[in-house]
Amino acid sequence: MRGGINRDKLIFIAEYVLIKFQETIDRGSIIHDIDLRRWALEAKEQVNFATFKAGHWWIWNFKKAHRITSRKITKFKTQSNLQADALIHQNAEEFVTNVKPHIAITGEGSTYNADESGFNLEIHSGRTLTNMGVKTVEATVQSLSSISHSYTIMPIISADGYLLSPLYIVLKETTGSFEPRVEETLFRPANVYIAASKSGKLTTQHFKNWFLEVYLPNTKEKSLLLLDSWTDHCPEQLIELVPKDKQVNILTIPKKTTAFIQPLDVFGFRIWKNFIRSFSDNVILNNYDINLHLRNKIIKLQSLAHNQLSSPRFQNLFKYSWYKSGYLSTRPEKFENPINYCSFKEEKHIPKCSICDKMAFIRCAWCKNYFCFEHFFEQYHYCNNYIE
């Protein structure tokens, strides 16, 4: 392309520099403005564009057009690290490709992903509005120890976007089990299966218990289950527990790929934690008389979150997590963000409670009614089916 008008030459130079830039980014190399200019001048020689200088103005426009900016390097990697990353992505792509035929045979409604996620006893947002120039930004919590101790939940979502019930939860107990007096007062909603461990994390026995008491009773005769490669997720041990009238095909997601291809990690848990954070932040903000880190309050809060996220209104949300992970080819229709909907952030006015005249705290994802804090949380009002 030694002839042609100047516009064609400029397009060629920009495309050449962009290709060089992307190749260098993929290698993890450090790039500066001088490198963009050097590549532009290389391209200039190929199109015989003597008047082109690749000056500051051209570089500024090129970076603006392609959304390129200078950023602080947050992590350094060796070449072997980059090669390992490439292998991880390759393993992820191969796994997704192999799973798709299984989903086609089993059906989206019988394909499930389950995973555990830790929650601090008290979980809040990491950001807040404050005055400019303040060097130390402080925020109030109910208990400092509660923001470092945790418990675990293990939900199940299907490829057609449903959140299964009950939610499996493991609380942290000093002895690893509930004392008799605790058992007597333990709040047990229908949509939560409650267990305990010394660490608040799942053990091998918990995992088997989850499979027997939660997964098998609530899934169809034939099902496909995607689990990560956690040591205690041993498919052989689980297959032994499957009754004769059921078939469960368990596929293990390759190590280090869950951030890309495990649906709950890709999209589900971020939404779930944001929902809990939003609720907890409101409790502190409005000084409600409720101890978020207490055992029964934790159960009630997770039960509330599970109930609201189970609404058909958010079915496409969980379906999108499968699409974003690569398992589904068709993008789900647009869905509402649970935080925006339930907190009615886009409303022009703060509505009143549908039961009393107090300021509304939350909008129910099932019936669309508004409720104050007392009616929705303290009295445990769920409109679609009151959870005993």
Protein backbone atom coordinates (compact mmCIF):
# COMPACT_ATOMS: atom_id res chain seq x y z
CA MET A 1 0.00 0.00 0.00
CA ARG A 2 2.55 2.55 -1.13
CA GLY A 3 0.00 4.71 -2.94
CA GLY A 4 -3.48 5.75 -1.88
CA ILE A 5 -4.88 8.82 -0.22
CA ASN A 6 -3.66 10.05 3.16
CA ARG A 7 -6.85 8.90 4.92
CA ASP A 8 -6.23 5.29 3.86
CA LYS A 9 -2.64 5.57 5.03
CA LEU A 10 -3.69 6.91 8.43
CA ILE A 11 -6.16 4.03 8.84
CA PHE A 12 -3.43 1.51 7.96
CA ILE A 13 -1.02 3.07 10.48
CA ALA A 14 -3.64 3.07 13.26
CA GLU A 15 -4.54 -0.58 12.59
CA TYR A 16 -0.87 -1.57 12.51
CA VAL A 17 -0.16 0.14 15.85
CA LEU A 18 -3.29 -1.38 17.44
CA ILE A 19 -2.25 -4.89 16.39
CA LYS A 20 1.26 -4.34 17.77
CA PHE A 21 -0.21 -2.92 20.99
CA GLN A 22 -2.53 -5.90 21.54
CA GLU A 23 0.20 -8.45 20.80
CA THR A 24 2.47 -6.74 23.33
CA ILE A 25 -0.29 -6.54 25.94
CA ASP A 26 -0.93 -10.27 25.51
CA ARG A 27 2.76 -10.94 26.22
CA GLY A 28 2.55 -8.87 29.39
CA SER A 29 5.19 -6.35 28.27
CA ILE A 30 5.38 -2.76 29.52
CA ILE A 31 4.31 -0.15 26.95
CA HIS A 32 4.83 3.64 26.81
CA ASP A 33 3.91 6.43 24.39
CA ILE A 34 7.33 6.19 22.73
CA ASP A 35 6.53 2.59 21.75
CA LEU A 36 3.30 3.67 20.06
CA ARG A 37 5.28 6.30 18.13
CA ARG A 38 7.93 3.77 17.10
CA TRP A 39 5.29 1.37 15.72
CA ALA A 40 3.55 4.23 13.92
CA LEU A 41 6.80 5.23 12.23
CA GLU A 42 7.38 1.60 11.22
CA ALA A 43 3.97 1.61 9.53
CA LYS A 44 4.73 4.97 7.94
CA GLU A 45 7.64 3.43 6.01
CA GLN A 46 5.33 0.77 4.58
CA VAL A 47 2.90 3.30 3.05
CA ASN A 48 5.40 5.99 1.97
CA PHE A 49 3.81 8.75 4.06
CA ALA A 50 6.70 11.23 4.38
CA THR A 51 4.74 14.02 6.10
CA PHE A 52 3.42 11.81 8.93
CA LYS A 53 5.27 12.55 12.22
CA ALA A 54 3.35 10.48 14.85
CA GLY A 55 3.48 13.42 17.23
CA HIS A 56 1.86 13.94 20.63
CA TRP A 57 -1.48 14.96 19.10
CA TRP A 58 -1.71 11.79 17.00
CA ILE A 59 -0.75 9.60 19.98
CA TRP A 60 -3.35 11.34 22.20
CA ASN A 61 -6.09 10.81 19.61
CA PHE A 62 -5.06 7.17 19.04
CA LYS A 63 -5.21 6.38 22.77
CA LYS A 64 -8.56 8.13 23.16
CA ALA A 65 -10.07 6.32 20.15
CA HIS A 66 -9.03 2.90 21.47
CA ARG A 67 -9.60 3.53 25.20
CA ILE A 68 -5.90 3.20 26.07
CA THR A 69 -4.51 4.87 29.17
CA SER A 70 -1.52 4.68 31.52
CA ARG A 71 -2.17 2.56 34.62
CA LYS A 72 -0.17 1.62 37.69
CA ILE A 73 1.18 -1.95 37.45
CA THR A 74 -0.48 -3.94 40.23
CA LYS A 75 1.14 -7.32 39.64
CA PHE A 76 4.28 -8.67 37.98
CA LYS A 77 4.43 -12.07 36.31
CA THR A 78 7.17 -14.19 34.76
CA GLN A 79 6.93 -15.65 31.28
CA SER A 80 6.19 -19.04 32.80
CA ASN A 81 3.22 -17.49 34.64
CA LEU A 82 1.82 -16.22 31.35
CA GLN A 83 2.24 -19.65 29.78
CA ALA A 84 0.45 -21.21 32.76
CA ASP A 85 -2.40 -18.70 32.35
CA ALA A 86 -2.71 -19.62 28.69
CA LEU A 87 -2.93 -23.31 29.65
CA ILE A 88 -5.61 -22.54 32.25
CA HIS A 89 -7.73 -20.73 29.66
CA GLN A 90 -7.23 -23.60 27.23
CA ASN A 91 -8.38 -26.12 29.87
CA ALA A 92 -11.41 -23.96 30.59
CA GLU A 93 -12.40 -23.77 26.92
CA GLU A 94 -11.96 -27.51 26.45
CA PHE A 95 -14.08 -28.29 29.53
CA VAL A 96 -16.92 -26.02 28.39
CA THR A 97 -16.81 -27.56 24.92
CA ASN A 98 -17.03 -31.06 26.41
CA VAL A 99 -19.89 -30.12 28.77
CA LYS A 100 -22.19 -28.63 26.12
CA PRO A 101 -23.20 -32.01 24.60
CA HIS A 102 -24.02 -33.30 28.10
CA ILE A 103 -26.30 -30.29 28.70
CA ALA A 104 -28.00 -30.90 25.36
CA ILE A 105 -28.75 -34.49 26.39
CA THR A 106 -29.67 -33.88 30.05
CA GLY A 107 -31.49 -30.58 29.51
CA GLU A 108 -30.90 -27.16 31.04
CA GLY A 109 -33.51 -27.80 33.74
CA SER A 110 -31.58 -30.84 34.98
CA THR A 111 -28.10 -29.31 34.78
CA TYR A 112 -26.83 -27.84 38.05
CA ASN A 113 -23.90 -26.00 39.54
CA ALA A 114 -23.25 -25.98 43.29
CA ASP A 115 -20.46 -24.25 45.15
CA GLU A 116 -19.61 -23.04 48.62
CA SER A 117 -18.86 -19.43 49.52
CA GLY A 118 -17.72 -17.91 52.79
CA PHE A 119 -19.55 -14.97 54.38
CA ASN A 120 -18.26 -12.95 57.31
CA LEU A 121 -20.62 -13.00 60.29
CA GLU A 122 -21.09 -9.31 59.58
CA ILE A 123 -20.53 -8.18 56.00
CA HIS A 124 -20.53 -4.56 54.83
CA SER A 125 -19.58 -2.46 51.82
CA GLY A 126 -15.94 -1.44 51.48
CA ARG A 127 -16.73 2.10 50.35
CA THR A 128 -18.65 5.08 51.77
CA LEU A 129 -19.29 8.74 51.05
CA THR A 130 -17.26 11.11 53.23
CA ASN A 131 -15.71 14.56 53.20
CA MET A 132 -12.93 15.30 50.75
CA GLY A 133 -9.44 15.46 52.25
CA VAL A 134 -10.17 13.03 55.09
CA LYS A 135 -7.07 10.85 55.57
CA THR A 136 -8.65 8.08 57.63
CA VAL A 137 -12.11 6.85 56.68
CA GLU A 138 -13.80 4.97 59.52
CA ALA A 139 -17.10 3.11 59.60
CA THR A 140 -19.06 1.49 62.42
CA VAL A 141 -19.69 -2.24 62.76
CA GLN A 142 -21.48 -4.08 65.53
CA SER A 143 -18.58 -6.41 66.34
CA LEU A 144 -14.96 -6.30 65.13
CA SER A 145 -14.55 -10.06 65.50
CA SER A 146 -17.61 -10.66 63.35
CA ILE A 147 -15.93 -9.11 60.30
CA SER A 148 -13.10 -11.67 60.50
CA HIS A 149 -15.04 -14.84 61.43
CA SER A 150 -17.15 -16.55 58.81
CA TYR A 151 -19.71 -19.19 57.90
CA THR A 152 -20.41 -20.93 54.59
CA ILE A 153 -23.37 -21.26 52.26
CA MET A 154 -23.74 -23.73 49.39
CA PRO A 155 -26.51 -22.87 46.92
CA ILE A 156 -27.54 -24.79 43.78
CA ILE A 157 -28.53 -23.14 40.50
CA SER A 158 -29.84 -24.80 37.34
CA ALA A 159 -28.83 -23.91 33.80
CA ASP A 160 -32.38 -22.67 33.11
CA GLY A 161 -31.97 -20.07 35.86
CA TYR A 162 -33.63 -21.53 38.95
CA LEU A 163 -32.25 -21.31 42.49
CA LEU A 164 -33.01 -24.57 44.27
CA SER A 165 -34.29 -24.84 47.83
CA PRO A 166 -33.21 -25.37 50.54
CA LEU A 167 -29.99 -23.40 50.89
CA TYR A 168 -27.26 -25.36 52.69
CA ILE A 169 -25.51 -23.34 55.40
CA VAL A 170 -22.68 -24.29 57.79
CA LEU A 171 -22.32 -22.12 60.89
CA LYS A 172 -19.22 -21.82 63.05
CA GLU A 173 -19.66 -23.56 66.42
CA THR A 174 -16.91 -24.06 69.01
CA THR A 175 -17.68 -27.77 69.45
CA GLY A 176 -18.51 -28.38 65.81
CA SER A 177 -22.17 -29.01 66.61
CA PHE A 178 -25.16 -27.26 68.18
CA GLU A 179 -25.53 -27.60 71.94
CA PRO A 180 -28.94 -28.86 73.17
CA ARG A 181 -29.96 -25.41 74.40
CA VAL A 182 -29.02 -23.89 71.05
CA GLU A 183 -31.01 -26.56 69.20
CA GLU A 184 -34.12 -25.62 71.18
CA THR A 185 -34.01 -21.99 70.04
CA LEU A 186 -32.48 -22.47 66.60
CA PHE A 187 -34.47 -20.78 63.86
CA ARG A 188 -35.14 -23.32 61.09
CA PRO A 189 -36.90 -21.83 58.05
CA ALA A 190 -38.11 -24.20 55.35
CA ASN A 191 -35.72 -22.81 52.73
CA VAL A 192 -32.51 -23.32 54.74
CA TYR A 193 -30.77 -26.56 55.79
CA ILE A 194 -28.55 -25.77 58.78
CA ALA A 195 -25.34 -27.55 59.81
CA ALA A 196 -22.32 -26.67 61.96
CA SER A 197 -18.55 -27.13 62.06
CA LYS A 198 -15.67 -25.83 64.18
CA SER A 199 -14.37 -23.67 61.33
CA GLY A 200 -17.63 -22.64 59.72
CA LYS A 201 -16.47 -24.41 56.56
CA LEU A 202 -17.62 -27.60 54.85
CA THR A 203 -15.87 -30.86 55.62
CA THR A 204 -16.06 -34.07 53.59
CA GLN A 205 -18.89 -35.26 55.81
CA HIS A 206 -20.79 -32.01 55.30
CA PHE A 207 -20.40 -32.38 51.57
CA LYS A 208 -21.86 -35.89 51.67
CA ASN A 209 -24.66 -34.65 53.91
CA TRP A 210 -25.43 -31.84 51.45
CA PHE A 211 -25.57 -34.34 48.60
CA LEU A 212 -27.90 -36.71 50.46
CA GLU A 213 -30.17 -34.20 52.18
CA VAL A 214 -30.29 -31.29 49.72
CA TYR A 215 -29.16 -32.23 46.23
CA LEU A 216 -30.71 -35.68 45.68
CA PRO A 217 -34.19 -34.94 47.13
CA ASN A 218 -34.58 -31.76 45.06
CA THR A 219 -33.29 -32.78 41.65
CA LYS A 220 -34.77 -34.90 38.87
CA GLU A 221 -34.18 -38.60 38.13
CA LYS A 222 -31.37 -37.77 35.69
CA SER A 223 -29.13 -34.81 36.37
CA LEU A 224 -25.81 -33.25 35.47
CA LEU A 225 -23.81 -31.64 38.30
CA LEU A 226 -20.82 -29.34 37.83
CA LEU A 227 -18.51 -29.11 40.84
CA ASP A 228 -15.12 -27.48 41.27
CA SER A 229 -11.96 -29.46 41.98
CA TRP A 230 -11.96 -28.89 45.75
CA THR A 231 -10.26 -31.89 47.40
CA ASP A 232 -13.41 -32.97 49.24
CA HIS A 233 -15.51 -32.88 46.06
CA CYS A 234 -14.83 -36.51 45.25
CA PRO A 235 -17.25 -37.74 42.55
CA GLU A 236 -16.49 -41.40 43.33
CA GLN A 237 -17.67 -41.00 46.93
CA LEU A 238 -20.85 -39.24 45.84
CA ILE A 239 -21.73 -41.78 43.14
CA GLU A 240 -21.81 -44.44 45.84
CA LEU A 241 -24.57 -42.45 47.57
CA VAL A 242 -26.83 -42.20 44.51
CA PRO A 243 -29.93 -44.42 44.88
CA LYS A 244 -30.86 -46.90 42.15
CA ASP A 245 -33.78 -44.81 40.90
CA LYS A 246 -31.52 -41.83 40.09
CA GLN A 247 -28.66 -41.04 37.70
CA VAL A 248 -26.20 -38.25 38.47
CA ASN A 249 -23.42 -37.34 36.07
CA ILE A 250 -20.80 -35.37 38.01
CA LEU A 251 -18.25 -33.36 36.03
CA THR A 252 -15.30 -31.68 37.76
CA ILE A 253 -14.35 -28.16 36.70
CA PRO A 254 -10.55 -28.00 36.15
CA LYS A 255 -8.38 -26.37 38.80
CA LYS A 256 -7.87 -22.60 38.62
CA THR A 257 -10.62 -22.17 36.02
CA THR A 258 -13.58 -21.53 38.32
CA ALA A 259 -13.31 -17.74 37.95
CA PHE A 260 -14.09 -18.17 34.25
CA ILE A 261 -16.40 -21.18 33.96
CA GLN A 262 -18.11 -21.86 37.29
CA PRO A 263 -21.49 -20.09 36.98
CA LEU A 264 -21.86 -19.23 40.67
CA ASP A 265 -18.35 -17.74 40.76
CA VAL A 266 -18.73 -15.94 37.45
CA PHE A 267 -21.86 -14.03 38.45
CA GLY A 268 -23.99 -15.55 41.22
CA PHE A 269 -22.05 -14.97 44.43
CA ARG A 270 -21.20 -11.34 43.66
CA ILE A 271 -24.92 -10.53 43.42
CA TRP A 272 -25.68 -12.57 46.56
CA LYS A 273 -23.02 -10.82 48.66
CA ASN A 274 -24.05 -7.39 47.42
CA PHE A 275 -27.61 -8.15 48.53
CA ILE A 276 -26.42 -9.08 52.04
CA ARG A 277 -24.12 -6.04 52.20
CA SER A 278 -26.92 -3.70 51.20
CA PHE A 279 -29.19 -5.08 53.91
CA SER A 280 -26.47 -4.96 56.59
CA ASP A 281 -25.43 -1.41 55.67
CA ASN A 282 -29.05 -0.28 56.06
CA VAL A 283 -29.27 -1.87 59.50
CA ILE A 284 -26.24 0.15 60.66
CA LEU A 285 -27.33 3.33 58.87
CA ASN A 286 -30.82 3.33 60.41
CA ASN A 287 -29.64 2.03 63.79
CA TYR A 288 -32.09 -0.88 63.81
CA ASP A 289 -32.09 -2.96 66.97
CA ILE A 290 -30.76 -6.17 65.45
CA ASN A 291 -27.47 -7.99 66.01
CA LEU A 292 -26.42 -9.08 62.54
CA HIS A 293 -23.77 -11.53 63.77
CA LEU A 294 -26.05 -13.57 66.00
CA ARG A 295 -26.81 -17.14 64.93
CA ASN A 296 -30.54 -16.81 64.27
CA LYS A 297 -30.17 -13.43 62.58
CA ILE A 298 -27.60 -14.90 60.17
CA ILE A 299 -29.98 -17.73 59.33
CA LYS A 300 -32.89 -15.34 58.89
CA LEU A 301 -30.87 -12.97 56.69
CA GLN A 302 -29.63 -15.76 54.41
CA SER A 303 -33.13 -17.19 54.28
CA LEU A 304 -34.45 -13.78 53.27
CA ALA A 305 -31.79 -13.40 50.56
CA HIS A 306 -32.47 -16.91 49.22
CA ASN A 307 -36.21 -16.25 49.19
CA GLN A 308 -35.88 -13.01 47.24
CA LEU A 309 -33.29 -14.31 44.77
CA SER A 310 -35.53 -17.33 44.12
CA SER A 311 -38.16 -15.07 42.57
CA PRO A 312 -38.87 -15.78 38.87
CA ARG A 313 -38.02 -12.10 38.38
CA PHE A 314 -34.33 -13.03 38.69
CA GLN A 315 -34.37 -16.27 36.70
CA ASN A 316 -32.49 -14.69 33.79
CA LEU A 317 -29.86 -13.46 36.25
CA PHE A 318 -28.77 -16.99 37.09
CA LYS A 319 -29.26 -18.12 33.52
CA TYR A 320 -26.89 -15.33 32.47
CA SER A 321 -24.20 -16.78 34.74
CA TRP A 322 -24.29 -19.95 32.62
CA TYR A 323 -24.22 -17.92 29.42
CA LYS A 324 -21.28 -15.79 30.60
CA SER A 325 -19.43 -18.98 31.58
CA GLY A 326 -19.83 -20.24 28.01
CA TYR A 327 -22.22 -23.15 28.52
CA LEU A 328 -25.24 -21.49 26.86
CA SER A 329 -25.16 -20.03 23.36
CA THR A 330 -28.21 -17.77 23.63
CA ARG A 331 -27.95 -14.67 25.80
CA PRO A 332 -30.90 -14.44 28.26
CA GLU A 333 -33.26 -11.49 28.04
CA LYS A 334 -32.52 -8.41 30.10
CA PHE A 335 -32.97 -8.89 33.85
CA GLU A 336 -33.26 -6.54 36.82
CA ASN A 337 -30.53 -6.12 39.41
CA PRO A 338 -31.85 -7.45 42.76
CA ILE A 339 -30.25 -4.58 44.68
CA ASN A 340 -31.81 -1.93 42.46
CA TYR A 341 -35.21 -3.62 42.43
CA CYS A 342 -35.55 -4.61 46.10
CA SER A 343 -34.04 -1.33 47.32
CA PHE A 344 -36.17 0.61 44.80
CA LYS A 345 -33.13 2.76 43.94
CA GLU A 346 -34.66 3.99 40.71
CA GLU A 347 -37.89 5.20 42.32
CA LYS A 348 -38.43 8.97 42.32
CA HIS A 349 -39.95 8.92 45.81
CA ILE A 350 -39.40 6.66 48.82
CA PRO A 351 -42.61 4.59 49.09
CA LYS A 352 -44.54 3.74 52.24
CA CYS A 353 -44.95 0.27 53.74
CA SER A 354 -47.88 -1.66 52.27
CA ILE A 355 -48.97 -2.71 55.77
CA CYS A 356 -48.30 0.39 57.86
CA ASP A 357 -47.51 4.00 57.01
CA LYS A 358 -43.81 3.84 57.83
CA MET A 359 -41.08 4.46 55.26
CA ALA A 360 -40.47 1.35 53.18
CA PHE A 361 -37.27 -0.61 53.71
CA ILE A 362 -37.53 -3.14 50.89
CA ARG A 363 -39.69 -4.14 47.93
CA CYS A 364 -40.62 -7.82 47.74
CA ALA A 365 -39.42 -9.46 44.52
CA TRP A 366 -42.43 -11.77 44.55
CA CYS A 367 -45.48 -9.55 45.11
CA LYS A 368 -43.95 -6.13 44.32
CA ASN A 369 -45.29 -4.73 47.59
CA TYR A 370 -43.22 -2.44 49.82
CA PHE A 371 -42.50 -3.25 53.45
CA CYS A 372 -40.92 -1.46 56.36
CA PHE A 373 -38.10 -3.15 58.24
CA GLU A 374 -40.28 -4.52 61.04
CA HIS A 375 -42.85 -6.15 58.78
CA PHE A 376 -40.39 -7.72 56.39
CA PHE A 377 -37.60 -8.85 58.68
CA GLU A 378 -38.70 -8.94 62.30
CA GLN A 379 -42.07 -10.52 61.47
CA TYR A 380 -40.49 -12.51 58.66
CA HIS A 381 -43.11 -11.67 56.05
CA TYR A 382 -42.66 -13.45 52.73
CA CYS A 383 -45.66 -12.88 50.52
CA ASN A 384 -45.47 -15.83 48.12
CA ASN A 385 -45.46 -18.51 50.81
CA TYR A 386 -44.93 -17.63 54.43
CA ILE A 387 -41.86 -19.58 55.61
CA GLU A 388 -42.51 -21.20 58.93
